[in-house]
Amino acid sequence: MSSRPRLEKSGRKYPKEEEGLSMNDESNSDSPRAVIRKALDQWVLDDPNVRELVASIRRLNCKHTLKLNADRVAHFKKRFAEWDMTADKVVIALINPVDVPSNKVVRILIPSYNWQLSRGQGQVPFTCGLFLREGIQEILDRIDEIAAARLRDTTDVVVVVIDFGTVEIFPA
């Protein structure tokens, strides 16, 4: 027996739309199954392993975004201390408004800012600042349940990073 995934089909050249073609590793029948299915009139591969890989890369990108903006985060940590703010009221947020979900968040938080100015200077625009924890919590409740729960469960000062639709919570 080969350890390579095999393609199962029902004897037809193409599967019925509702069936799809599935690939399964014969050595472990409990492994997640990749499925070829029709979506928007195109055949697509739906693979849980690839989805998890992409999610991991996006989480790493959030960590990288935090490192690239460490000076801004340090500035707002200093402001946090100078203005005697408390972690239960305020968070530091770092948001890349390039993709649609992040852009919607930024437009809620800073509705009148012209992001094209930064783009015109060849910069990647980032929103970085102190925001009311309650407002950020409401936004996270709508866009990412796991990150929302992590924010709700922490009592420390945190940095909320939203980058290309992925949300990560880091200690400040």
N, C-alpha and C. Protein backbone atom coordinates (compact mmCIF):
# COMPACT_ATOMS: atom_id res chain seq x y z
N MET A 1 0.83 -1.19 0.00
CA MET A 1 0.00 0.00 0.00
C MET A 1 0.87 1.25 0.00
N SER A 2 0.49 2.17 -0.77
CA SER A 2 1.22 3.43 -0.90
C SER A 2 0.79 4.38 0.22
N SER A 3 1.74 5.20 0.68
CA SER A 3 1.38 6.18 1.71
C SER A 3 0.92 7.49 1.09
N ARG A 4 0.90 7.54 -0.25
CA ARG A 4 0.42 8.74 -0.93
C ARG A 4 -1.09 8.81 -0.87
N PRO A 5 -1.66 10.01 -0.81
CA PRO A 5 -3.13 10.12 -0.83
C PRO A 5 -3.66 9.54 -2.14
N ARG A 6 -4.80 8.89 -2.08
CA ARG A 6 -5.39 8.37 -3.30
C ARG A 6 -6.68 9.12 -3.59
N LEU A 7 -7.02 9.18 -4.84
CA LEU A 7 -8.21 9.88 -5.28
C LEU A 7 -9.33 8.86 -5.42
N GLU A 8 -10.40 9.07 -4.69
CA GLU A 8 -11.55 8.18 -4.78
C GLU A 8 -12.55 8.82 -5.72
N LYS A 9 -13.13 8.04 -6.62
CA LYS A 9 -14.17 8.61 -7.47
C LYS A 9 -15.27 7.59 -7.69
N SER A 10 -16.36 8.05 -8.17
CA SER A 10 -17.55 7.20 -8.26
C SER A 10 -17.74 6.60 -9.64
N GLY A 11 -16.68 6.45 -10.44
CA GLY A 11 -16.81 5.84 -11.75
C GLY A 11 -17.13 6.83 -12.86
N ARG A 12 -17.42 8.06 -12.54
CA ARG A 12 -17.68 9.09 -13.54
C ARG A 12 -16.41 9.90 -13.76
N LYS A 13 -16.35 10.59 -14.90
CA LYS A 13 -15.19 11.43 -15.17
C LYS A 13 -15.12 12.56 -14.13
N TYR A 14 -16.25 13.14 -13.79
CA TYR A 14 -16.32 14.19 -12.78
C TYR A 14 -17.39 13.81 -11.77
N PRO A 15 -17.21 14.21 -10.51
CA PRO A 15 -18.22 13.85 -9.51
C PRO A 15 -19.44 14.74 -9.63
N LYS A 16 -20.51 14.29 -9.03
CA LYS A 16 -21.66 15.18 -8.88
C LYS A 16 -21.25 16.31 -7.97
N GLU A 17 -21.84 17.48 -8.15
CA GLU A 17 -21.46 18.65 -7.35
C GLU A 17 -21.57 18.38 -5.86
N GLU A 18 -22.61 17.69 -5.44
CA GLU A 18 -22.82 17.48 -4.01
C GLU A 18 -21.86 16.43 -3.43
N GLU A 19 -21.28 15.55 -4.28
CA GLU A 19 -20.38 14.53 -3.79
C GLU A 19 -18.95 15.02 -3.68
N GLY A 20 -18.44 15.58 -4.75
CA GLY A 20 -17.04 16.00 -4.79
C GLY A 20 -16.12 14.79 -4.86
N LEU A 21 -14.85 15.04 -5.07
CA LEU A 21 -13.82 14.00 -5.02
C LEU A 21 -13.11 14.17 -3.71
N SER A 22 -12.75 13.06 -3.05
CA SER A 22 -12.04 13.21 -1.80
C SER A 22 -10.73 12.46 -1.83
N MET A 23 -9.75 13.01 -1.13
CA MET A 23 -8.46 12.37 -1.00
C MET A 23 -8.27 12.02 0.45
N ASN A 24 -7.81 10.80 0.71
CA ASN A 24 -7.65 10.37 2.08
C ASN A 24 -6.37 9.56 2.19
N ASP A 25 -5.63 9.79 3.22
CA ASP A 25 -4.41 9.05 3.48
C ASP A 25 -4.82 7.66 3.97
N GLU A 26 -4.49 6.62 3.20
CA GLU A 26 -4.92 5.26 3.56
C GLU A 26 -4.36 4.78 4.88
N SER A 27 -3.19 5.29 5.27
CA SER A 27 -2.57 4.82 6.51
C SER A 27 -3.28 5.33 7.75
N ASN A 28 -4.09 6.37 7.61
CA ASN A 28 -4.79 6.91 8.77
C ASN A 28 -6.15 7.41 8.32
N SER A 29 -7.16 6.58 8.43
CA SER A 29 -8.48 6.96 7.94
C SER A 29 -9.14 8.04 8.78
N ASP A 30 -8.56 8.36 9.96
CA ASP A 30 -9.12 9.41 10.80
C ASP A 30 -8.56 10.79 10.45
N SER A 31 -7.60 10.84 9.51
CA SER A 31 -6.99 12.12 9.17
C SER A 31 -8.01 13.01 8.45
N PRO A 32 -7.84 14.32 8.54
CA PRO A 32 -8.77 15.22 7.84
C PRO A 32 -8.77 14.92 6.34
N ARG A 33 -9.90 15.08 5.73
CA ARG A 33 -10.05 14.76 4.32
C ARG A 33 -10.05 16.04 3.49
N ALA A 34 -9.29 15.98 2.41
CA ALA A 34 -9.32 17.06 1.42
C ALA A 34 -10.42 16.71 0.42
N VAL A 35 -11.17 17.72 0.02
CA VAL A 35 -12.29 17.49 -0.88
C VAL A 35 -12.19 18.45 -2.05
N ILE A 36 -12.41 17.92 -3.25
CA ILE A 36 -12.52 18.78 -4.43
C ILE A 36 -14.01 18.98 -4.65
N ARG A 37 -14.43 20.24 -4.66
CA ARG A 37 -15.86 20.54 -4.81
C ARG A 37 -16.03 21.72 -5.74
N LYS A 38 -17.24 21.92 -6.19
CA LYS A 38 -17.53 23.03 -7.08
C LYS A 38 -18.01 24.21 -6.25
N ALA A 39 -17.39 25.36 -6.48
CA ALA A 39 -17.79 26.59 -5.79
C ALA A 39 -17.73 27.72 -6.81
N LEU A 40 -18.81 28.43 -6.95
CA LEU A 40 -18.88 29.55 -7.90
C LEU A 40 -18.45 29.11 -9.30
N ASP A 41 -18.97 27.97 -9.73
CA ASP A 41 -18.71 27.40 -11.06
C ASP A 41 -17.25 27.06 -11.33
N GLN A 42 -16.47 26.84 -10.26
CA GLN A 42 -15.08 26.40 -10.42
C GLN A 42 -14.81 25.27 -9.45
N TRP A 43 -13.95 24.33 -9.87
CA TRP A 43 -13.55 23.26 -8.98
C TRP A 43 -12.48 23.80 -8.04
N VAL A 44 -12.65 23.56 -6.75
CA VAL A 44 -11.69 24.03 -5.75
C VAL A 44 -11.30 22.87 -4.83
N LEU A 45 -10.07 22.95 -4.32
CA LEU A 45 -9.59 21.98 -3.34
C LEU A 45 -9.81 22.57 -1.95
N ASP A 46 -10.59 21.88 -1.15
CA ASP A 46 -10.85 22.30 0.23
C ASP A 46 -10.08 21.35 1.13
N ASP A 47 -8.95 21.82 1.65
CA ASP A 47 -8.07 20.97 2.43
C ASP A 47 -7.87 21.57 3.82
N PRO A 48 -8.35 20.90 4.87
CA PRO A 48 -8.21 21.43 6.23
C PRO A 48 -6.75 21.63 6.64
N ASN A 49 -5.85 20.78 6.14
CA ASN A 49 -4.43 20.93 6.48
C ASN A 49 -3.86 22.22 5.89
N VAL A 50 -4.23 22.53 4.66
CA VAL A 50 -3.76 23.76 4.03
C VAL A 50 -4.36 24.97 4.73
N ARG A 51 -5.64 24.87 5.09
CA ARG A 51 -6.28 25.99 5.81
C ARG A 51 -5.54 26.29 7.10
N GLU A 52 -5.17 25.24 7.85
CA GLU A 52 -4.45 25.43 9.11
C GLU A 52 -3.06 26.00 8.88
N LEU A 53 -2.41 25.57 7.81
CA LEU A 53 -1.09 26.11 7.46
C LEU A 53 -1.18 27.60 7.17
N VAL A 54 -2.17 28.01 6.40
CA VAL A 54 -2.36 29.42 6.07
C VAL A 54 -2.66 30.22 7.34
N ALA A 55 -3.49 29.68 8.22
CA ALA A 55 -3.80 30.36 9.48
C ALA A 55 -2.54 30.53 10.33
N SER A 56 -1.67 29.53 10.36
CA SER A 56 -0.42 29.62 11.11
C SER A 56 0.49 30.71 10.54
N ILE A 57 0.56 30.77 9.23
CA ILE A 57 1.38 31.80 8.58
C ILE A 57 0.83 33.18 8.91
N ARG A 58 -0.48 33.32 8.88
CA ARG A 58 -1.09 34.63 9.21
C ARG A 58 -0.81 35.02 10.66
N ARG A 59 -0.84 34.04 11.57
CA ARG A 59 -0.52 34.35 12.97
C ARG A 59 0.94 34.80 13.10
N LEU A 60 1.84 34.13 12.37
CA LEU A 60 3.25 34.55 12.37
C LEU A 60 3.40 35.96 11.79
N ASN A 61 2.62 36.26 10.77
CA ASN A 61 2.66 37.61 10.19
C ASN A 61 2.23 38.66 11.21
N CYS A 62 1.27 38.34 12.05
CA CYS A 62 0.86 39.27 13.11
C CYS A 62 2.01 39.52 14.07
N LYS A 63 2.73 38.47 14.41
CA LYS A 63 3.89 38.60 15.30
C LYS A 63 4.96 39.47 14.65
N HIS A 64 5.17 39.28 13.36
CA HIS A 64 6.14 40.08 12.60
C HIS A 64 5.70 41.55 12.55
N THR A 65 4.41 41.77 12.35
CA THR A 65 3.87 43.13 12.34
C THR A 65 4.12 43.81 13.68
N LEU A 66 3.95 43.08 14.77
CA LEU A 66 4.22 43.62 16.10
C LEU A 66 5.69 44.02 16.22
N LYS A 67 6.59 43.16 15.77
CA LYS A 67 8.03 43.46 15.84
C LYS A 67 8.39 44.68 15.00
N LEU A 68 7.81 44.78 13.80
CA LEU A 68 8.10 45.91 12.93
C LEU A 68 7.63 47.24 13.51
N ASN A 69 6.64 47.18 14.36
CA ASN A 69 6.07 48.40 14.95
C ASN A 69 6.37 48.50 16.44
N ALA A 70 7.46 47.87 16.88
CA ALA A 70 7.81 47.86 18.30
C ALA A 70 8.02 49.27 18.85
N ASP A 71 8.57 50.18 18.04
CA ASP A 71 8.79 51.55 18.51
C ASP A 71 7.47 52.26 18.80
N ARG A 72 6.45 52.05 17.96
CA ARG A 72 5.14 52.67 18.18
C ARG A 72 4.47 52.06 19.42
N VAL A 73 4.59 50.76 19.57
CA VAL A 73 4.00 50.09 20.74
C VAL A 73 4.67 50.61 22.01
N ALA A 74 6.01 50.75 21.99
CA ALA A 74 6.73 51.28 23.15
C ALA A 74 6.27 52.70 23.47
N HIS A 75 6.06 53.51 22.44
CA HIS A 75 5.57 54.88 22.64
C HIS A 75 4.22 54.88 23.36
N PHE A 76 3.31 54.01 22.90
CA PHE A 76 1.98 53.99 23.51
C PHE A 76 1.98 53.32 24.88
N LYS A 77 2.91 52.42 25.14
CA LYS A 77 3.06 51.88 26.50
C LYS A 77 3.49 53.00 27.45
N LYS A 78 4.39 53.86 26.96
CA LYS A 78 4.85 54.99 27.77
C LYS A 78 3.69 55.94 28.05
N ARG A 79 2.91 56.24 27.02
CA ARG A 79 1.73 57.11 27.20
C ARG A 79 0.73 56.48 28.18
N PHE A 80 0.56 55.19 28.07
CA PHE A 80 -0.34 54.45 28.94
C PHE A 80 0.04 54.71 30.40
N ALA A 81 1.33 54.60 30.68
CA ALA A 81 1.83 54.82 32.05
C ALA A 81 1.73 56.29 32.45
N GLU A 82 2.12 57.21 31.56
CA GLU A 82 2.10 58.65 31.86
C GLU A 82 0.69 59.14 32.17
N TRP A 83 -0.29 58.62 31.48
CA TRP A 83 -1.66 59.10 31.66
C TRP A 83 -2.44 58.28 32.68
N ASP A 84 -1.74 57.43 33.44
CA ASP A 84 -2.37 56.60 34.47
C ASP A 84 -3.61 55.85 33.98
N MET A 85 -3.47 55.22 32.83
CA MET A 85 -4.57 54.42 32.28
C MET A 85 -4.54 53.03 32.90
N THR A 86 -5.68 52.35 32.85
CA THR A 86 -5.74 51.00 33.39
C THR A 86 -6.06 50.00 32.29
N ALA A 87 -5.56 48.79 32.45
CA ALA A 87 -5.72 47.75 31.43
C ALA A 87 -7.18 47.35 31.22
N ASP A 88 -8.02 47.58 32.22
CA ASP A 88 -9.43 47.23 32.05
C ASP A 88 -10.19 48.25 31.20
N LYS A 89 -9.55 49.40 30.92
CA LYS A 89 -10.21 50.45 30.15
C LYS A 89 -9.63 50.65 28.75
N VAL A 90 -8.33 50.36 28.57
CA VAL A 90 -7.65 50.73 27.32
C VAL A 90 -6.75 49.59 26.83
N VAL A 91 -6.66 49.44 25.51
CA VAL A 91 -5.71 48.51 24.88
C VAL A 91 -4.90 49.28 23.85
N ILE A 92 -3.75 48.73 23.51
CA ILE A 92 -2.97 49.25 22.39
C ILE A 92 -3.39 48.42 21.19
N ALA A 93 -3.75 49.09 20.11
CA ALA A 93 -4.16 48.37 18.90
C ALA A 93 -3.24 48.74 17.76
N LEU A 94 -2.90 47.74 16.97
CA LEU A 94 -2.05 47.90 15.79
C LEU A 94 -2.80 47.23 14.65
N ILE A 95 -3.26 48.04 13.70
CA ILE A 95 -4.16 47.52 12.66
C ILE A 95 -3.63 47.91 11.28
N ASN A 96 -3.54 46.94 10.40
CA ASN A 96 -3.17 47.17 9.01
C ASN A 96 -4.47 47.31 8.22
N PRO A 97 -4.79 48.52 7.74
CA PRO A 97 -6.09 48.73 7.08
C PRO A 97 -6.12 48.36 5.60
N VAL A 98 -5.19 47.52 5.14
CA VAL A 98 -5.09 47.20 3.72
C VAL A 98 -6.23 46.30 3.25
N ASP A 99 -6.57 45.26 4.02
CA ASP A 99 -7.61 44.34 3.56
C ASP A 99 -8.98 44.83 4.02
N VAL A 100 -10.02 44.27 3.43
CA VAL A 100 -11.38 44.75 3.68
C VAL A 100 -11.80 44.65 5.15
N PRO A 101 -11.65 43.49 5.84
CA PRO A 101 -12.10 43.44 7.24
C PRO A 101 -11.36 44.45 8.13
N SER A 102 -10.05 44.55 7.97
CA SER A 102 -9.27 45.48 8.79
C SER A 102 -9.63 46.92 8.46
N ASN A 103 -9.87 47.20 7.19
CA ASN A 103 -10.24 48.55 6.78
C ASN A 103 -11.56 48.97 7.41
N LYS A 104 -12.50 48.04 7.50
CA LYS A 104 -13.79 48.35 8.14
C LYS A 104 -13.59 48.69 9.61
N VAL A 105 -12.70 47.96 10.27
CA VAL A 105 -12.41 48.22 11.69
C VAL A 105 -11.81 49.62 11.83
N VAL A 106 -10.84 49.94 10.99
CA VAL A 106 -10.19 51.25 11.06
C VAL A 106 -11.18 52.37 10.77
N ARG A 107 -12.07 52.17 9.83
CA ARG A 107 -13.06 53.21 9.50
C ARG A 107 -14.03 53.45 10.66
N ILE A 108 -14.24 52.42 11.49
CA ILE A 108 -15.07 52.60 12.69
C ILE A 108 -14.29 53.41 13.72
N LEU A 109 -13.01 53.07 13.90
CA LEU A 109 -12.19 53.71 14.94
C LEU A 109 -11.74 55.12 14.56
N ILE A 110 -11.35 55.30 13.30
CA ILE A 110 -10.85 56.59 12.81
C ILE A 110 -11.54 56.89 11.48
N PRO A 111 -12.77 57.38 11.52
CA PRO A 111 -13.57 57.49 10.30
C PRO A 111 -13.07 58.50 9.27
N SER A 112 -12.39 59.53 9.66
CA SER A 112 -12.10 60.60 8.70
C SER A 112 -10.66 60.63 8.19
N TYR A 113 -9.82 59.69 8.57
CA TYR A 113 -8.42 59.73 8.15
C TYR A 113 -8.26 59.30 6.70
N ASN A 114 -7.40 59.99 5.95
CA ASN A 114 -7.15 59.69 4.55
C ASN A 114 -5.93 58.77 4.44
N TRP A 115 -6.17 57.48 4.28
CA TRP A 115 -5.08 56.50 4.21
C TRP A 115 -4.29 56.61 2.93
N GLN A 116 -4.86 57.25 1.92
CA GLN A 116 -4.18 57.38 0.64
C GLN A 116 -2.92 58.24 0.77
N LEU A 117 -2.88 59.13 1.75
CA LEU A 117 -1.67 59.94 1.97
C LEU A 117 -0.47 59.06 2.27
N SER A 118 -0.62 58.10 3.15
CA SER A 118 0.46 57.17 3.48
C SER A 118 0.83 56.32 2.28
N ARG A 119 -0.18 55.81 1.60
CA ARG A 119 0.08 54.96 0.43
C ARG A 119 0.79 55.74 -0.66
N GLY A 120 0.42 57.00 -0.83
CA GLY A 120 1.05 57.86 -1.83
C GLY A 120 2.52 58.11 -1.57
N GLN A 121 2.94 58.00 -0.32
CA GLN A 121 4.34 58.17 0.05
C GLN A 121 5.09 56.84 0.06
N GLY A 122 4.42 55.78 -0.44
CA GLY A 122 5.05 54.47 -0.52
C GLY A 122 5.09 53.73 0.80
N GLN A 123 4.32 54.17 1.77
CA GLN A 123 4.30 53.53 3.08
C GLN A 123 3.12 52.56 3.18
N VAL A 124 3.28 51.57 4.04
CA VAL A 124 2.15 50.71 4.38
C VAL A 124 1.50 51.37 5.59
N PRO A 125 0.25 51.79 5.45
CA PRO A 125 -0.38 52.50 6.56
C PRO A 125 -0.76 51.56 7.69
N PHE A 126 -0.46 51.96 8.90
CA PHE A 126 -0.87 51.20 10.08
C PHE A 126 -1.53 52.14 11.06
N THR A 127 -2.58 51.66 11.68
CA THR A 127 -3.20 52.38 12.78
C THR A 127 -2.58 51.84 14.04
N CYS A 128 -2.02 52.71 14.83
CA CYS A 128 -1.46 52.28 16.11
C CYS A 128 -1.86 53.32 17.14
N GLY A 129 -2.44 52.87 18.21
CA GLY A 129 -2.84 53.82 19.23
C GLY A 129 -3.51 53.16 20.41
N LEU A 130 -3.94 54.02 21.31
CA LEU A 130 -4.68 53.58 22.50
C LEU A 130 -6.16 53.67 22.18
N PHE A 131 -6.86 52.58 22.41
CA PHE A 131 -8.29 52.54 22.12
C PHE A 131 -9.03 51.99 23.33
N LEU A 132 -10.28 52.41 23.47
CA LEU A 132 -11.09 51.89 24.57
C LEU A 132 -11.25 50.38 24.41
N ARG A 133 -10.97 49.68 25.47
CA ARG A 133 -11.03 48.21 25.46
C ARG A 133 -12.44 47.73 25.10
N GLU A 134 -13.43 48.41 25.61
CA GLU A 134 -14.82 48.01 25.36
C GLU A 134 -15.13 48.04 23.86
N GLY A 135 -14.68 49.09 23.17
CA GLY A 135 -14.92 49.20 21.72
C GLY A 135 -14.20 48.13 20.94
N ILE A 136 -12.94 47.87 21.28
CA ILE A 136 -12.17 46.82 20.61
C ILE A 136 -12.80 45.46 20.90
N GLN A 137 -13.26 45.27 22.13
CA GLN A 137 -13.92 44.00 22.50
C GLN A 137 -15.16 43.78 21.64
N GLU A 138 -15.96 44.82 21.44
CA GLU A 138 -17.17 44.69 20.61
C GLU A 138 -16.81 44.32 19.17
N ILE A 139 -15.77 44.93 18.65
CA ILE A 139 -15.33 44.63 17.28
C ILE A 139 -14.85 43.18 17.18
N LEU A 140 -14.04 42.75 18.14
CA LEU A 140 -13.53 41.38 18.12
C LEU A 140 -14.65 40.36 18.28
N ASP A 141 -15.66 40.70 19.07
CA ASP A 141 -16.81 39.80 19.22
C ASP A 141 -17.46 39.52 17.87
N ARG A 142 -17.40 40.50 16.95
CA ARG A 142 -18.01 40.34 15.63
C ARG A 142 -17.10 39.64 14.63
N ILE A 143 -15.78 39.82 14.76
CA ILE A 143 -14.90 39.31 13.69
C ILE A 143 -14.06 38.09 14.07
N ASP A 144 -13.84 37.84 15.36
CA ASP A 144 -12.99 36.70 15.75
C ASP A 144 -13.32 36.29 17.18
N GLU A 145 -14.11 35.22 17.31
CA GLU A 145 -14.56 34.76 18.63
C GLU A 145 -13.42 34.35 19.54
N ILE A 146 -12.40 33.70 18.97
CA ILE A 146 -11.28 33.21 19.78
C ILE A 146 -10.47 34.37 20.34
N ALA A 147 -10.15 35.34 19.49
CA ALA A 147 -9.41 36.51 19.95
C ALA A 147 -10.25 37.31 20.95
N ALA A 148 -11.54 37.39 20.70
CA ALA A 148 -12.43 38.10 21.63
C ALA A 148 -12.40 37.46 23.00
N ALA A 149 -12.43 36.13 23.04
CA ALA A 149 -12.38 35.42 24.32
C ALA A 149 -11.03 35.63 25.01
N ARG A 150 -9.95 35.62 24.24
CA ARG A 150 -8.61 35.85 24.82
C ARG A 150 -8.52 37.25 25.42
N LEU A 151 -9.07 38.25 24.73
CA LEU A 151 -9.05 39.61 25.26
C LEU A 151 -9.89 39.70 26.52
N ARG A 152 -11.04 39.07 26.50
CA ARG A 152 -11.95 39.10 27.65
C ARG A 152 -11.31 38.43 28.87
N ASP A 153 -10.49 37.39 28.64
CA ASP A 153 -9.90 36.62 29.73
C ASP A 153 -8.65 37.24 30.33
N THR A 154 -8.06 38.22 29.66
CA THR A 154 -6.83 38.81 30.19
C THR A 154 -7.11 40.12 30.92
N THR A 155 -6.32 40.34 31.95
CA THR A 155 -6.46 41.59 32.72
C THR A 155 -5.24 42.48 32.56
N ASP A 156 -4.28 42.02 31.76
CA ASP A 156 -3.04 42.78 31.55
C ASP A 156 -3.19 43.76 30.40
N VAL A 157 -2.21 44.65 30.30
CA VAL A 157 -2.14 45.55 29.16
C VAL A 157 -1.75 44.71 27.95
N VAL A 158 -2.51 44.83 26.86
CA VAL A 158 -2.26 44.01 25.68
C VAL A 158 -2.17 44.86 24.42
N VAL A 159 -1.56 44.24 23.40
CA VAL A 159 -1.53 44.81 22.06
C VAL A 159 -2.42 43.91 21.20
N VAL A 160 -3.41 44.51 20.59
CA VAL A 160 -4.29 43.79 19.67
C VAL A 160 -3.79 44.08 18.26
N VAL A 161 -3.36 43.03 17.56
CA VAL A 161 -2.86 43.18 16.19
C VAL A 161 -3.90 42.60 15.24
N ILE A 162 -4.32 43.42 14.28
CA ILE A 162 -5.24 42.96 13.23
C ILE A 162 -4.52 43.20 11.91
N ASP A 163 -4.20 42.10 11.23
CA ASP A 163 -3.43 42.19 10.00
C ASP A 163 -3.96 41.17 8.99
N PHE A 164 -4.45 41.64 7.87
CA PHE A 164 -5.00 40.80 6.81
C PHE A 164 -6.04 39.82 7.33
N GLY A 165 -6.97 40.35 8.13
CA GLY A 165 -8.09 39.55 8.60
C GLY A 165 -7.79 38.62 9.75
N THR A 166 -6.57 38.62 10.26
CA THR A 166 -6.20 37.77 11.38
C THR A 166 -5.99 38.65 12.61
N VAL A 167 -6.50 38.19 13.75
CA VAL A 167 -6.39 38.95 15.00
C VAL A 167 -5.55 38.14 15.98
N GLU A 168 -4.57 38.79 16.57
CA GLU A 168 -3.76 38.17 17.61
C GLU A 168 -3.66 39.13 18.79
N ILE A 169 -3.59 38.58 19.99
CA ILE A 169 -3.47 39.35 21.22
C ILE A 169 -2.09 39.06 21.82
N PHE A 170 -1.32 40.12 22.06
CA PHE A 170 0.03 39.96 22.62
C PHE A 170 0.13 40.77 23.91
N PRO A 171 0.93 40.30 24.86
CA PRO A 171 1.18 41.12 26.06
C PRO A 171 1.97 42.36 25.66
N ALA A 172 1.65 43.47 26.30
CA ALA A 172 2.38 44.71 26.01
C ALA A 172 3.63 44.69 26.81
